[in-house]
Amino acid sequence: MSSGRSLLSVCVVVAGLASRVVWSQTPEPKSGLQLRAETTLVVIPVSVTDASNRFVLGLQKENFAISEDGVKQKIAQFSGEDAPLSAGLLVDTSGSMGMKLGRSRDAVAEFLKTMNPGDEAFLVTFSDKAELQVPFTNDVGEIETRLASVESEGLTALLDGVQVGLQAMKKAKNSRKALVIVSDGGDNNSQYTPQQIEDLVREADVQIYAMGVFEPSFLPALSAAELSGPKLLSEITEQTGGRAFPARTNSALPSIARRIAIELRNQYVIAYTPTNRERNGKYRKVQVTVAAPQGLSALKVHWRLGYYAPAQ
């Protein structure tokens, strides 16, 4: 999207944010004089929707304001272009998915239809344990073929699946990264705890979304893990500025996959150098606001809760 693009609104999902911290320094001179220049660049994708939950495009740098721990920051770089994406697909294949696994395959196929030539994706499945089934590839057919061969069985190690996905994402070639979880959200077999995963998610430079395949909560046969599923997926995704989209019917999954793909393709990217130069490794809260252009109603802005500063 160029800066001169007209203001448009398109089909919407509620948006998220991921932050990336780039730390660089100049080499020290060979002379006895010790000089070193250090800079930190915080990169934050932002999504904006209107009152009807449609994406708002065509906004300019001047429409945005950003602060860190309550201190206003100067925007150094601004873009609205659709950058290449590295995506990880985390699919629940446990016994609780049952007949829902077929629709999960359809949802993954729908998401993969949106992939561009510069994009890449990998596949992780989780049941009794989490496994990287297909590492990063540009061949979406490889992912669909592998997913077609798995069966629904065993317990649910959802949190371990997130951990495996975050590890696999470290090999991403694109700076824009996202994990997409397809699950009923019930975890009953992970080695990792929710708090451990929350810490990993807050440190990671990855947006996380979820397609929650939930059963109606009034069904008497639901386990405690299944009942807690929606809350668990929301907590995981919200740490990154993403969101868990509930699918109360199996037929809703492909449309949710399309919504997530659209959200990832309609983001602004803001970069700034923090006024706080301390390398203390502490968590810093980020706030993004948007001034609506004349003629538009109040806008909704969605972003990650913050990022960790570089450590000593």
C-alpha atoms as a PDB file:
ATOM      1  CA  MET A   1       0.000   0.000   0.000  1.00  0.00           C
ATOM      2  CA  SER A   2       1.569   3.275  -1.087  1.00  0.00           C
ATOM      3  CA  SER A   3       1.245   6.473   0.902  1.00  0.00           C
ATOM      4  CA  GLY A   4      -1.014   7.934  -1.765  1.00  0.00           C
ATOM      5  CA  ARG A   5      -3.523   5.108  -1.657  1.00  0.00           C
ATOM      6  CA  SER A   6      -7.106   6.230  -1.071  1.00  0.00           C
ATOM      7  CA  LEU A   7      -8.852   5.479   2.199  1.00  0.00           C
ATOM      8  CA  LEU A   8     -10.563   2.096   1.967  1.00  0.00           C
ATOM      9  CA  SER A   9     -12.313  -0.350   4.280  1.00  0.00           C
ATOM     10  CA  VAL A  10     -12.271  -4.101   3.581  1.00  0.00           C
ATOM     11  CA  CYS A  11     -13.572  -7.306   5.187  1.00  0.00           C
ATOM     12  CA  VAL A  12     -12.404  -7.478   8.786  1.00  0.00           C
ATOM     13  CA  VAL A  13     -11.148  -9.526  11.662  1.00  0.00           C
ATOM     14  CA  VAL A  14     -10.071  -8.061  14.985  1.00  0.00           C
ATOM     15  CA  ALA A  15      -6.381  -7.377  14.614  1.00  0.00           C
ATOM     16  CA  GLY A  16      -3.194  -8.020  16.531  1.00  0.00           C
ATOM     17  CA  LEU A  17       0.372  -6.885  16.812  1.00  0.00           C
ATOM     18  CA  ALA A  18       3.831  -8.351  17.099  1.00  0.00           C
ATOM     19  CA  SER A  19       6.882  -6.388  18.148  1.00  0.00           C
ATOM     20  CA  ARG A  20      10.424  -6.915  16.967  1.00  0.00           C
ATOM     21  CA  VAL A  21      13.458  -5.409  18.651  1.00  0.00           C
ATOM     22  CA  VAL A  22      16.495  -4.921  16.446  1.00  0.00           C
ATOM     23  CA  TRP A  23      19.709  -4.195  18.355  1.00  0.00           C
ATOM     24  CA  SER A  24      22.831  -3.045  16.516  1.00  0.00           C
ATOM     25  CA  GLN A  25      26.157  -1.483  17.393  1.00  0.00           C
ATOM     26  CA  THR A  26      29.155  -0.115  15.546  1.00  0.00           C
ATOM     27  CA  PRO A  27      32.510  -1.918  15.945  1.00  0.00           C
ATOM     28  CA  GLU A  28      35.051  -0.378  18.292  1.00  0.00           C
ATOM     29  CA  PRO A  29      37.971   1.423  16.612  1.00  0.00           C
ATOM     30  CA  LYS A  30      41.406  -0.163  16.667  1.00  0.00           C
ATOM     31  CA  SER A  31      42.861   2.890  18.398  1.00  0.00           C
ATOM     32  CA  GLY A  32      42.889   3.245  22.151  1.00  0.00           C
ATOM     33  CA  LEU A  33      39.760   5.389  22.012  1.00  0.00           C
ATOM     34  CA  GLN A  34      36.717   3.284  22.935  1.00  0.00           C
ATOM     35  CA  LEU A  35      33.653   4.610  21.119  1.00  0.00           C
ATOM     36  CA  ARG A  36      30.434   2.676  20.601  1.00  0.00           C
ATOM     37  CA  ALA A  37      27.090   3.751  19.158  1.00  0.00           C
ATOM     38  CA  GLU A  38      24.089   1.613  19.999  1.00  0.00           C
ATOM     39  CA  THR A  39      20.520   1.784  18.725  1.00  0.00           C
ATOM     40  CA  THR A  40      17.368  -0.184  19.387  1.00  0.00           C
ATOM     41  CA  LEU A  41      14.563  -0.319  16.819  1.00  0.00           C
ATOM     42  CA  VAL A  42      11.170  -1.558  17.944  1.00  0.00           C
ATOM     43  CA  VAL A  43       9.020  -2.727  15.019  1.00  0.00           C
ATOM     44  CA  ILE A  44       5.274  -3.045  15.636  1.00  0.00           C
ATOM     45  CA  PRO A  45       2.575  -4.206  13.189  1.00  0.00           C
ATOM     46  CA  VAL A  46      -0.782  -2.547  13.935  1.00  0.00           C
ATOM     47  CA  SER A  47      -4.293  -3.213  12.637  1.00  0.00           C
ATOM     48  CA  VAL A  48      -7.113  -0.668  12.551  1.00  0.00           C
ATOM     49  CA  THR A  49     -10.819  -1.396  12.174  1.00  0.00           C
ATOM     50  CA  ASP A  50     -13.920   0.792  12.000  1.00  0.00           C
ATOM     51  CA  ALA A  51     -17.196   0.547  13.921  1.00  0.00           C
ATOM     52  CA  SER A  52     -18.363  -2.195  11.549  1.00  0.00           C
ATOM     53  CA  ASN A  53     -15.192  -4.257  12.121  1.00  0.00           C
ATOM     54  CA  ARG A  54     -13.857  -3.559   8.638  1.00  0.00           C
ATOM     55  CA  PHE A  55     -10.154  -2.920   8.106  1.00  0.00           C
ATOM     56  CA  VAL A  56      -9.287   0.715   7.571  1.00  0.00           C
ATOM     57  CA  LEU A  57      -6.533   1.248   5.023  1.00  0.00           C
ATOM     58  CA  GLY A  58      -4.952   4.406   3.643  1.00  0.00           C
ATOM     59  CA  LEU A  59      -4.006   5.963   6.995  1.00  0.00           C
ATOM     60  CA  GLN A  60      -0.816   8.019   7.139  1.00  0.00           C
ATOM     61  CA  LYS A  61       2.021   8.228   9.627  1.00  0.00           C
ATOM     62  CA  GLU A  62       0.513  11.426  11.036  1.00  0.00           C
ATOM     63  CA  ASN A  63      -2.619   9.550  12.100  1.00  0.00           C
ATOM     64  CA  PHE A  64      -0.664   7.376  14.556  1.00  0.00           C
ATOM     65  CA  ALA A  65       0.834   8.043  17.979  1.00  0.00           C
ATOM     66  CA  ILE A  66       2.835   5.553  20.035  1.00  0.00           C
ATOM     67  CA  SER A  67       4.103   5.546  23.604  1.00  0.00           C
ATOM     68  CA  GLU A  68       6.246   3.232  25.716  1.00  0.00           C
ATOM     69  CA  ASP A  69       5.608   2.977  29.448  1.00  0.00           C
ATOM     70  CA  GLY A  70       3.581   6.177  29.160  1.00  0.00           C
ATOM     71  CA  VAL A  71       6.303   8.155  27.329  1.00  0.00           C
ATOM     72  CA  LYS A  72       5.517   9.328  23.797  1.00  0.00           C
ATOM     73  CA  GLN A  73       7.887   8.009  21.125  1.00  0.00           C
ATOM     74  CA  LYS A  74       8.866   9.414  17.740  1.00  0.00           C
ATOM     75  CA  ILE A  75       7.869   7.216  14.802  1.00  0.00           C
ATOM     76  CA  ALA A  76      11.013   6.619  12.747  1.00  0.00           C
ATOM     77  CA  GLN A  77       9.560   4.366  10.033  1.00  0.00           C
ATOM     78  CA  PHE A  78       6.046   3.735   8.775  1.00  0.00           C
ATOM     79  CA  SER A  79       4.667   1.356   6.160  1.00  0.00           C
ATOM     80  CA  GLY A  80       1.414  -0.187   5.029  1.00  0.00           C
ATOM     81  CA  GLU A  81       2.857  -2.676   2.553  1.00  0.00           C
ATOM     82  CA  ASP A  82       2.034  -6.401   2.503  1.00  0.00           C
ATOM     83  CA  ALA A  83       5.383  -7.952   3.495  1.00  0.00           C
ATOM     84  CA  PRO A  84       6.285 -11.661   3.065  1.00  0.00           C
ATOM     85  CA  LEU A  85       5.003 -13.910   5.844  1.00  0.00           C
ATOM     86  CA  SER A  86       6.435 -16.876   7.748  1.00  0.00           C
ATOM     87  CA  ALA A  87       3.503 -18.865   9.167  1.00  0.00           C
ATOM     88  CA  GLY A  88       3.319 -21.859  11.469  1.00  0.00           C
ATOM     89  CA  LEU A  89       0.177 -24.010  11.507  1.00  0.00           C
ATOM     90  CA  LEU A  90      -0.471 -25.812  14.813  1.00  0.00           C
ATOM     91  CA  VAL A  91      -3.207 -28.420  14.433  1.00  0.00           C
ATOM     92  CA  ASP A  92      -4.831 -30.382  17.259  1.00  0.00           C
ATOM     93  CA  THR A  93      -5.093 -34.077  16.289  1.00  0.00           C
ATOM     94  CA  SER A  94      -6.122 -35.400  19.719  1.00  0.00           C
ATOM     95  CA  GLY A  95      -9.066 -37.693  20.338  1.00  0.00           C
ATOM     96  CA  SER A  96     -11.290 -34.798  21.417  1.00  0.00           C
ATOM     97  CA  MET A  97     -11.153 -33.369  17.886  1.00  0.00           C
ATOM     98  CA  GLY A  98     -12.814 -36.445  16.357  1.00  0.00           C
ATOM     99  CA  MET A  99     -15.014 -35.457  13.414  1.00  0.00           C
ATOM    100  CA  LYS A 100     -13.757 -31.872  13.716  1.00  0.00           C
ATOM    101  CA  LEU A 101     -10.382 -32.848  12.243  1.00  0.00           C
ATOM    102  CA  GLY A 102     -11.813 -32.954   8.722  1.00  0.00           C
ATOM    103  CA  ARG A 103     -12.964 -29.343   8.952  1.00  0.00           C
ATOM    104  CA  SER A 104      -9.610 -28.431  10.493  1.00  0.00           C
ATOM    105  CA  ARG A 105      -7.938 -29.720   7.325  1.00  0.00           C
ATOM    106  CA  ASP A 106     -10.329 -27.580   5.255  1.00  0.00           C
ATOM    107  CA  ALA A 107      -9.441 -24.518   7.359  1.00  0.00           C
ATOM    108  CA  VAL A 108      -5.706 -25.079   6.886  1.00  0.00           C
ATOM    109  CA  ALA A 109      -6.224 -25.457   3.123  1.00  0.00           C
ATOM    110  CA  GLU A 110      -8.215 -22.200   3.069  1.00  0.00           C
ATOM    111  CA  PHE A 111      -5.443 -20.363   4.915  1.00  0.00           C
ATOM    112  CA  LEU A 112      -2.772 -21.756   2.601  1.00  0.00           C
ATOM    113  CA  LYS A 113      -4.672 -20.424  -0.435  1.00  0.00           C
ATOM    114  CA  THR A 114      -3.675 -16.921   0.650  1.00  0.00           C
ATOM    115  CA  MET A 115       0.064 -17.643   0.632  1.00  0.00           C
ATOM    116  CA  ASN A 116       2.175 -15.519  -1.729  1.00  0.00           C
ATOM    117  CA  PRO A 117       5.372 -16.630  -3.536  1.00  0.00           C
ATOM    118  CA  GLY A 118       7.588 -15.023  -0.889  1.00  0.00           C
ATOM    119  CA  ASP A 119       5.750 -16.681   2.003  1.00  0.00           C
ATOM    120  CA  GLU A 120       6.663 -19.900   3.810  1.00  0.00           C
ATOM    121  CA  ALA A 121       4.868 -22.172   6.269  1.00  0.00           C
ATOM    122  CA  PHE A 122       5.398 -25.180   8.527  1.00  0.00           C
ATOM    123  CA  LEU A 123       3.089 -27.734  10.172  1.00  0.00           C
ATOM    124  CA  VAL A 124       3.026 -28.876  13.811  1.00  0.00           C
ATOM    125  CA  THR A 125       0.506 -31.422  15.079  1.00  0.00           C
ATOM    126  CA  PHE A 126      -0.163 -32.182  18.721  1.00  0.00           C
ATOM    127  CA  SER A 127      -1.984 -34.946  20.563  1.00  0.00           C
ATOM    128  CA  ASP A 128      -0.143 -36.972  23.232  1.00  0.00           C
ATOM    129  CA  LYS A 129       2.925 -34.988  22.184  1.00  0.00           C
ATOM    130  CA  ALA A 130       3.747 -32.171  19.780  1.00  0.00           C
ATOM    131  CA  GLU A 131       5.680 -32.875  16.595  1.00  0.00           C
ATOM    132  CA  LEU A 132       7.040 -30.777  13.734  1.00  0.00           C
ATOM    133  CA  GLN A 133       5.556 -32.657  10.791  1.00  0.00           C
ATOM    134  CA  VAL A 134       6.690 -30.358   7.968  1.00  0.00           C
ATOM    135  CA  PRO A 135       9.478 -27.771   8.429  1.00  0.00           C
ATOM    136  CA  PHE A 136       9.374 -24.435   6.611  1.00  0.00           C
ATOM    137  CA  THR A 137       8.382 -24.917   2.986  1.00  0.00           C
ATOM    138  CA  ASN A 138       7.015 -22.943   0.039  1.00  0.00           C
ATOM    139  CA  ASP A 139       5.121 -26.051  -1.124  1.00  0.00           C
ATOM    140  CA  VAL A 140       1.687 -25.784   0.507  1.00  0.00           C
ATOM    141  CA  GLY A 141       0.719 -29.139  -1.018  1.00  0.00           C
ATOM    142  CA  GLU A 142       3.276 -30.844   1.199  1.00  0.00           C
ATOM    143  CA  ILE A 143       1.520 -29.526   4.297  1.00  0.00           C
ATOM    144  CA  GLU A 144      -1.943 -30.545   3.090  1.00  0.00           C
ATOM    145  CA  THR A 145      -0.743 -34.041   2.164  1.00  0.00           C
ATOM    146  CA  ARG A 146       0.915 -34.616   5.535  1.00  0.00           C
ATOM    147  CA  LEU A 147      -2.097 -33.328   7.460  1.00  0.00           C
ATOM    148  CA  ALA A 148      -4.381 -35.638   5.483  1.00  0.00           C
ATOM    149  CA  SER A 149      -2.490 -38.666   6.812  1.00  0.00           C
ATOM    150  CA  VAL A 150      -2.859 -37.952  10.552  1.00  0.00           C
ATOM    151  CA  GLU A 151      -5.677 -39.365  12.674  1.00  0.00           C
ATOM    152  CA  SER A 152      -7.554 -38.077  15.701  1.00  0.00           C
ATOM    153  CA  GLU A 153      -6.357 -39.921  18.807  1.00  0.00           C
ATOM    154  CA  GLY A 154      -4.730 -39.461  22.192  1.00  0.00           C
ATOM    155  CA  LEU A 155      -4.625 -36.639  24.725  1.00  0.00           C
ATOM    156  CA  THR A 156      -3.944 -32.935  24.069  1.00  0.00           C
ATOM    157  CA  ALA A 157      -0.522 -31.292  24.502  1.00  0.00           C
ATOM    158  CA  LEU A 158      -1.538 -27.851  23.240  1.00  0.00           C
ATOM    159  CA  LEU A 159       1.000 -25.879  25.263  1.00  0.00           C
ATOM    160  CA  ASP A 160       3.804 -28.148  24.072  1.00  0.00           C
ATOM    161  CA  GLY A 161       2.561 -27.494  20.530  1.00  0.00           C
ATOM    162  CA  VAL A 162       2.985 -23.761  21.018  1.00  0.00           C
ATOM    163  CA  GLN A 163       6.505 -24.328  22.340  1.00  0.00           C
ATOM    164  CA  VAL A 164       7.442 -26.483  19.322  1.00  0.00           C
ATOM    165  CA  GLY A 165       5.962 -23.830  17.028  1.00  0.00           C
ATOM    166  CA  LEU A 166       7.966 -21.031  18.638  1.00  0.00           C
ATOM    167  CA  GLN A 167      11.148 -23.099  18.299  1.00  0.00           C
ATOM    168  CA  ALA A 168      10.452 -23.816  14.618  1.00  0.00           C
ATOM    169  CA  MET A 169       9.760 -20.129  13.996  1.00  0.00           C
ATOM    170  CA  LYS A 170      13.362 -19.289  14.923  1.00  0.00           C
ATOM    171  CA  LYS A 171      14.335 -20.531  11.439  1.00  0.00           C
ATOM    172  CA  ALA A 172      11.962 -18.130   9.683  1.00  0.00           C
ATOM    173  CA  LYS A 173      13.440 -16.174   6.772  1.00  0.00           C
ATOM    174  CA  ASN A 174      10.813 -13.387   6.914  1.00  0.00           C
ATOM    175  CA  SER A 175      10.590 -10.732   9.600  1.00  0.00           C
ATOM    176  CA  ARG A 176       6.800 -11.040   9.686  1.00  0.00           C
ATOM    177  CA  LYS A 177       5.803 -14.155  11.643  1.00  0.00           C
ATOM    178  CA  ALA A 178       2.554 -15.729  12.802  1.00  0.00           C
ATOM    179  CA  LEU A 179       1.357 -18.946  14.440  1.00  0.00           C
ATOM    180  CA  VAL A 180      -2.178 -20.155  13.730  1.00  0.00           C
ATOM    181  CA  ILE A 181      -3.625 -22.719  16.160  1.00  0.00           C
ATOM    182  CA  VAL A 182      -6.557 -24.988  15.284  1.00  0.00           C
ATOM    183  CA  SER A 183      -7.803 -26.655  18.471  1.00  0.00           C
ATOM    184  CA  ASP A 184     -10.651 -27.145  20.916  1.00  0.00           C
ATOM    185  CA  GLY A 185      -8.280 -25.585  23.463  1.00  0.00           C
ATOM    186  CA  GLY A 186      -8.396 -28.344  26.052  1.00  0.00           C
ATOM    187  CA  ASP A 187      -4.874 -29.149  27.327  1.00  0.00           C
ATOM    188  CA  ASN A 188      -4.369 -32.264  29.448  1.00  0.00           C
ATOM    189  CA  ASN A 189      -0.940 -33.639  28.542  1.00  0.00           C
ATOM    190  CA  SER A 190       1.652 -30.852  28.195  1.00  0.00           C
ATOM    191  CA  GLN A 191       5.020 -30.771  29.913  1.00  0.00           C
ATOM    192  CA  TYR A 192       4.973 -26.968  29.767  1.00  0.00           C
ATOM    193  CA  THR A 193       2.765 -24.963  32.129  1.00  0.00           C
ATOM    194  CA  PRO A 194       0.553 -22.029  31.075  1.00  0.00           C
ATOM    195  CA  GLN A 195       2.882 -19.619  32.890  1.00  0.00           C
ATOM    196  CA  GLN A 196       5.949 -20.968  31.079  1.00  0.00           C
ATOM    197  CA  ILE A 197       4.228 -20.607  27.707  1.00  0.00           C
ATOM    198  CA  GLU A 198       3.002 -17.128  28.601  1.00  0.00           C
ATOM    199  CA  ASP A 199       6.603 -16.091  29.303  1.00  0.00           C
ATOM    200  CA  LEU A 200       7.822 -17.621  26.017  1.00  0.00           C
ATOM    201  CA  VAL A 201       5.035 -15.915  24.073  1.00  0.00           C
ATOM    202  CA  ARG A 202       5.791 -12.515  25.585  1.00  0.00           C
ATOM    203  CA  GLU A 203       9.435 -12.871  24.589  1.00  0.00           C
ATOM    204  CA  ALA A 204       8.752 -14.121  21.059  1.00  0.00           C
ATOM    205  CA  ASP A 205       8.539 -11.966  17.962  1.00  0.00           C
ATOM    206  CA  VAL A 206       5.461 -13.838  16.737  1.00  0.00           C
ATOM    207  CA  GLN A 207       1.764 -13.041  16.384  1.00  0.00           C
ATOM    208  CA  ILE A 208      -0.496 -15.889  17.496  1.00  0.00           C
ATOM    209  CA  TYR A 209      -4.056 -16.542  16.378  1.00  0.00           C
ATOM    210  CA  ALA A 210      -6.377 -19.428  17.122  1.00  0.00           C
ATOM    211  CA  MET A 211      -9.377 -21.073  15.519  1.00  0.00           C
ATOM    212  CA  GLY A 212     -11.181 -22.472  18.522  1.00  0.00           C
ATOM    213  CA  VAL A 213     -13.269 -25.541  17.673  1.00  0.00           C
ATOM    214  CA  PHE A 214     -15.491 -25.370  20.724  1.00  0.00           C
ATOM    215  CA  GLU A 215     -18.482 -27.471  21.723  1.00  0.00           C
ATOM    216  CA  PRO A 216     -21.479 -25.757  23.366  1.00  0.00           C
ATOM    217  CA  SER A 217     -20.582 -25.308  27.044  1.00  0.00           C
ATOM    218  CA  PHE A 218     -23.878 -26.771  28.236  1.00  0.00           C
ATOM    219  CA  LEU A 219     -23.085 -30.258  26.923  1.00  0.00           C
ATOM    220  CA  PRO A 220     -22.805 -32.569  29.994  1.00  0.00           C
ATOM    221  CA  ALA A 221     -20.061 -34.797  28.546  1.00  0.00           C
ATOM    222  CA  LEU A 222     -17.439 -32.037  28.270  1.00  0.00           C
ATOM    223  CA  SER A 223     -14.255 -32.495  30.295  1.00  0.00           C
ATOM    224  CA  ALA A 224     -12.729 -29.801  32.506  1.00  0.00           C
ATOM    225  CA  ALA A 225      -9.972 -29.333  29.909  1.00  0.00           C
ATOM    226  CA  GLU A 226     -12.509 -28.758  27.114  1.00  0.00           C
ATOM    227  CA  LEU A 227     -14.466 -26.291  29.245  1.00  0.00           C
ATOM    228  CA  SER A 228     -11.289 -24.287  29.906  1.00  0.00           C
ATOM    229  CA  GLY A 229     -10.271 -24.337  26.236  1.00  0.00           C
ATOM    230  CA  PRO A 230     -11.683 -20.938  25.149  1.00  0.00           C
ATOM    231  CA  LYS A 231     -10.030 -19.144  28.080  1.00  0.00           C
ATOM    232  CA  LEU A 232      -6.656 -20.825  27.488  1.00  0.00           C
ATOM    233  CA  LEU A 233      -6.580 -19.945  23.786  1.00  0.00           C
ATOM    234  CA  SER A 234      -7.590 -16.344  24.513  1.00  0.00           C
ATOM    235  CA  GLU A 235      -4.822 -15.939  27.086  1.00  0.00           C
ATOM    236  CA  ILE A 236      -2.178 -17.302  24.705  1.00  0.00           C
ATOM    237  CA  THR A 237      -3.208 -15.156  21.729  1.00  0.00           C
ATOM    238  CA  GLU A 238      -3.852 -11.910  23.594  1.00  0.00           C
ATOM    239  CA  GLN A 239      -0.265 -11.785  24.819  1.00  0.00           C
ATOM    240  CA  THR A 240       0.755 -11.180  21.196  1.00  0.00           C
ATOM    241  CA  GLY A 241      -2.138  -8.920  20.271  1.00  0.00           C
ATOM    242  CA  GLY A 242      -3.877 -11.738  18.429  1.00  0.00           C
ATOM    243  CA  ARG A 243      -7.232 -13.292  19.188  1.00  0.00           C
ATOM    244  CA  ALA A 244      -8.949 -16.649  19.449  1.00  0.00           C
ATOM    245  CA  PHE A 245     -11.874 -16.875  17.046  1.00  0.00           C
ATOM    246  CA  PRO A 246     -14.542 -19.335  18.259  1.00  0.00           C
ATOM    247  CA  ALA A 247     -16.072 -21.735  15.751  1.00  0.00           C
ATOM    248  CA  ARG A 248     -19.282 -22.995  17.313  1.00  0.00           C
ATOM    249  CA  THR A 249     -19.944 -25.048  14.191  1.00  0.00           C
ATOM    250  CA  ASN A 250     -17.421 -27.008  12.120  1.00  0.00           C
ATOM    251  CA  SER A 251     -18.560 -25.234   8.951  1.00  0.00           C
ATOM    252  CA  ALA A 252     -17.334 -21.901  10.372  1.00  0.00           C
ATOM    253  CA  LEU A 253     -13.663 -22.937  10.415  1.00  0.00           C
ATOM    254  CA  PRO A 254     -12.752 -22.137   6.761  1.00  0.00           C
ATOM    255  CA  SER A 255     -14.290 -18.661   6.984  1.00  0.00           C
ATOM    256  CA  ILE A 256     -12.338 -17.972  10.189  1.00  0.00           C
ATOM    257  CA  ALA A 257      -9.157 -19.077   8.418  1.00  0.00           C
ATOM    258  CA  ARG A 258      -9.893 -16.538   5.672  1.00  0.00           C
ATOM    259  CA  ARG A 259     -10.452 -13.826   8.271  1.00  0.00           C
ATOM    260  CA  ILE A 260      -7.115 -14.472   9.931  1.00  0.00           C
ATOM    261  CA  ALA A 261      -5.363 -14.442   6.553  1.00  0.00           C
ATOM    262  CA  ILE A 262      -7.007 -11.109   5.671  1.00  0.00           C
ATOM    263  CA  GLU A 263      -5.950  -9.652   9.021  1.00  0.00           C
ATOM    264  CA  LEU A 264      -2.338 -10.614   8.407  1.00  0.00           C
ATOM    265  CA  ARG A 265      -2.447  -8.908   4.988  1.00  0.00           C
ATOM    266  CA  ASN A 266      -3.872  -5.638   6.255  1.00  0.00           C
ATOM    267  CA  GLN A 267      -1.504  -4.224   8.837  1.00  0.00           C
ATOM    268  CA  TYR A 268       0.494  -1.068   9.281  1.00  0.00           C
ATOM    269  CA  VAL A 269       4.069  -1.335  10.518  1.00  0.00           C
ATOM    270  CA  ILE A 270       5.450   1.283  12.904  1.00  0.00           C
ATOM    271  CA  ALA A 271       9.088   1.455  14.002  1.00  0.00           C
ATOM    272  CA  TYR A 272      10.642   3.669  16.666  1.00  0.00           C
ATOM    273  CA  THR A 273      13.835   4.031  18.676  1.00  0.00           C
ATOM    274  CA  PRO A 274      12.891   4.061  22.392  1.00  0.00           C
ATOM    275  CA  THR A 275      13.860   7.075  24.438  1.00  0.00           C
ATOM    276  CA  ASN A 276      14.648   4.632  27.243  1.00  0.00           C
ATOM    277  CA  ARG A 277      18.080   3.252  26.268  1.00  0.00           C
ATOM    278  CA  GLU A 278      18.533   0.997  29.308  1.00  0.00           C
ATOM    279  CA  ARG A 279      19.465  -2.595  28.445  1.00  0.00           C
ATOM    280  CA  ASN A 280      17.808  -4.110  31.494  1.00  0.00           C
ATOM    281  CA  GLY A 281      15.762  -6.909  29.901  1.00  0.00           C
ATOM    282  CA  LYS A 282      12.561  -5.569  31.486  1.00  0.00           C
ATOM    283  CA  TYR A 283       9.097  -5.753  29.964  1.00  0.00           C
ATOM    284  CA  ARG A 284       7.886  -2.467  28.465  1.00  0.00           C
ATOM    285  CA  LYS A 285       4.263  -1.609  27.756  1.00  0.00           C
ATOM    286  CA  VAL A 286       3.389  -0.179  24.345  1.00  0.00           C
ATOM    287  CA  GLN A 287       0.344   1.989  23.595  1.00  0.00           C
ATOM    288  CA  VAL A 288      -0.827   2.854  20.070  1.00  0.00           C
ATOM    289  CA  THR A 289      -3.547   5.396  19.262  1.00  0.00           C
ATOM    290  CA  VAL A 290      -5.014   6.576  15.968  1.00  0.00           C
ATOM    291  CA  ALA A 291      -6.617   9.922  15.164  1.00  0.00           C
ATOM    292  CA  ALA A 292      -9.533   9.207  12.821  1.00  0.00           C
ATOM    293  CA  PRO A 293      -9.510  11.286   9.606  1.00  0.00           C
ATOM    294  CA  GLN A 294     -12.472  13.592   9.060  1.00  0.00           C
ATOM    295  CA  GLY A 295     -15.540  11.668   7.983  1.00  0.00           C
ATOM    296  CA  LEU A 296     -14.670   8.444   9.816  1.00  0.00           C
ATOM    297  CA  SER A 297     -16.197   7.357  13.090  1.00  0.00           C
ATOM    298  CA  ALA A 298     -14.075   6.254  16.042  1.00  0.00           C
ATOM    299  CA  LEU A 299     -11.529   3.603  15.090  1.00  0.00           C
ATOM    300  CA  LYS A 300     -10.397   0.500  16.983  1.00  0.00           C
ATOM    301  CA  VAL A 301      -6.674  -0.191  17.169  1.00  0.00           C
ATOM    302  CA  HIS A 302      -5.157  -3.546  18.106  1.00  0.00           C
ATOM    303  CA  TRP A 303      -1.575  -4.214  19.155  1.00  0.00           C
ATOM    304  CA  ARG A 304       0.625  -6.360  21.372  1.00  0.00           C
ATOM    305  CA  LEU A 305       0.816  -5.559  25.081  1.00  0.00           C
ATOM    306  CA  GLY A 306       4.556  -4.795  24.930  1.00  0.00           C
ATOM    307  CA  TYR A 307       8.049  -6.245  24.487  1.00  0.00           C
ATOM    308  CA  TYR A 308      11.170  -7.099  26.445  1.00  0.00           C
ATOM    309  CA  ALA A 309      14.054  -4.638  26.273  1.00  0.00           C
ATOM    310  CA  PRO A 310      17.497  -5.944  25.275  1.00  0.00           C
ATOM    311  CA  ALA A 311      19.406  -7.415  28.213  1.00  0.00           C
ATOM    312  CA  GLN A 312      22.978  -6.624  29.252  1.00  0.00           C
END
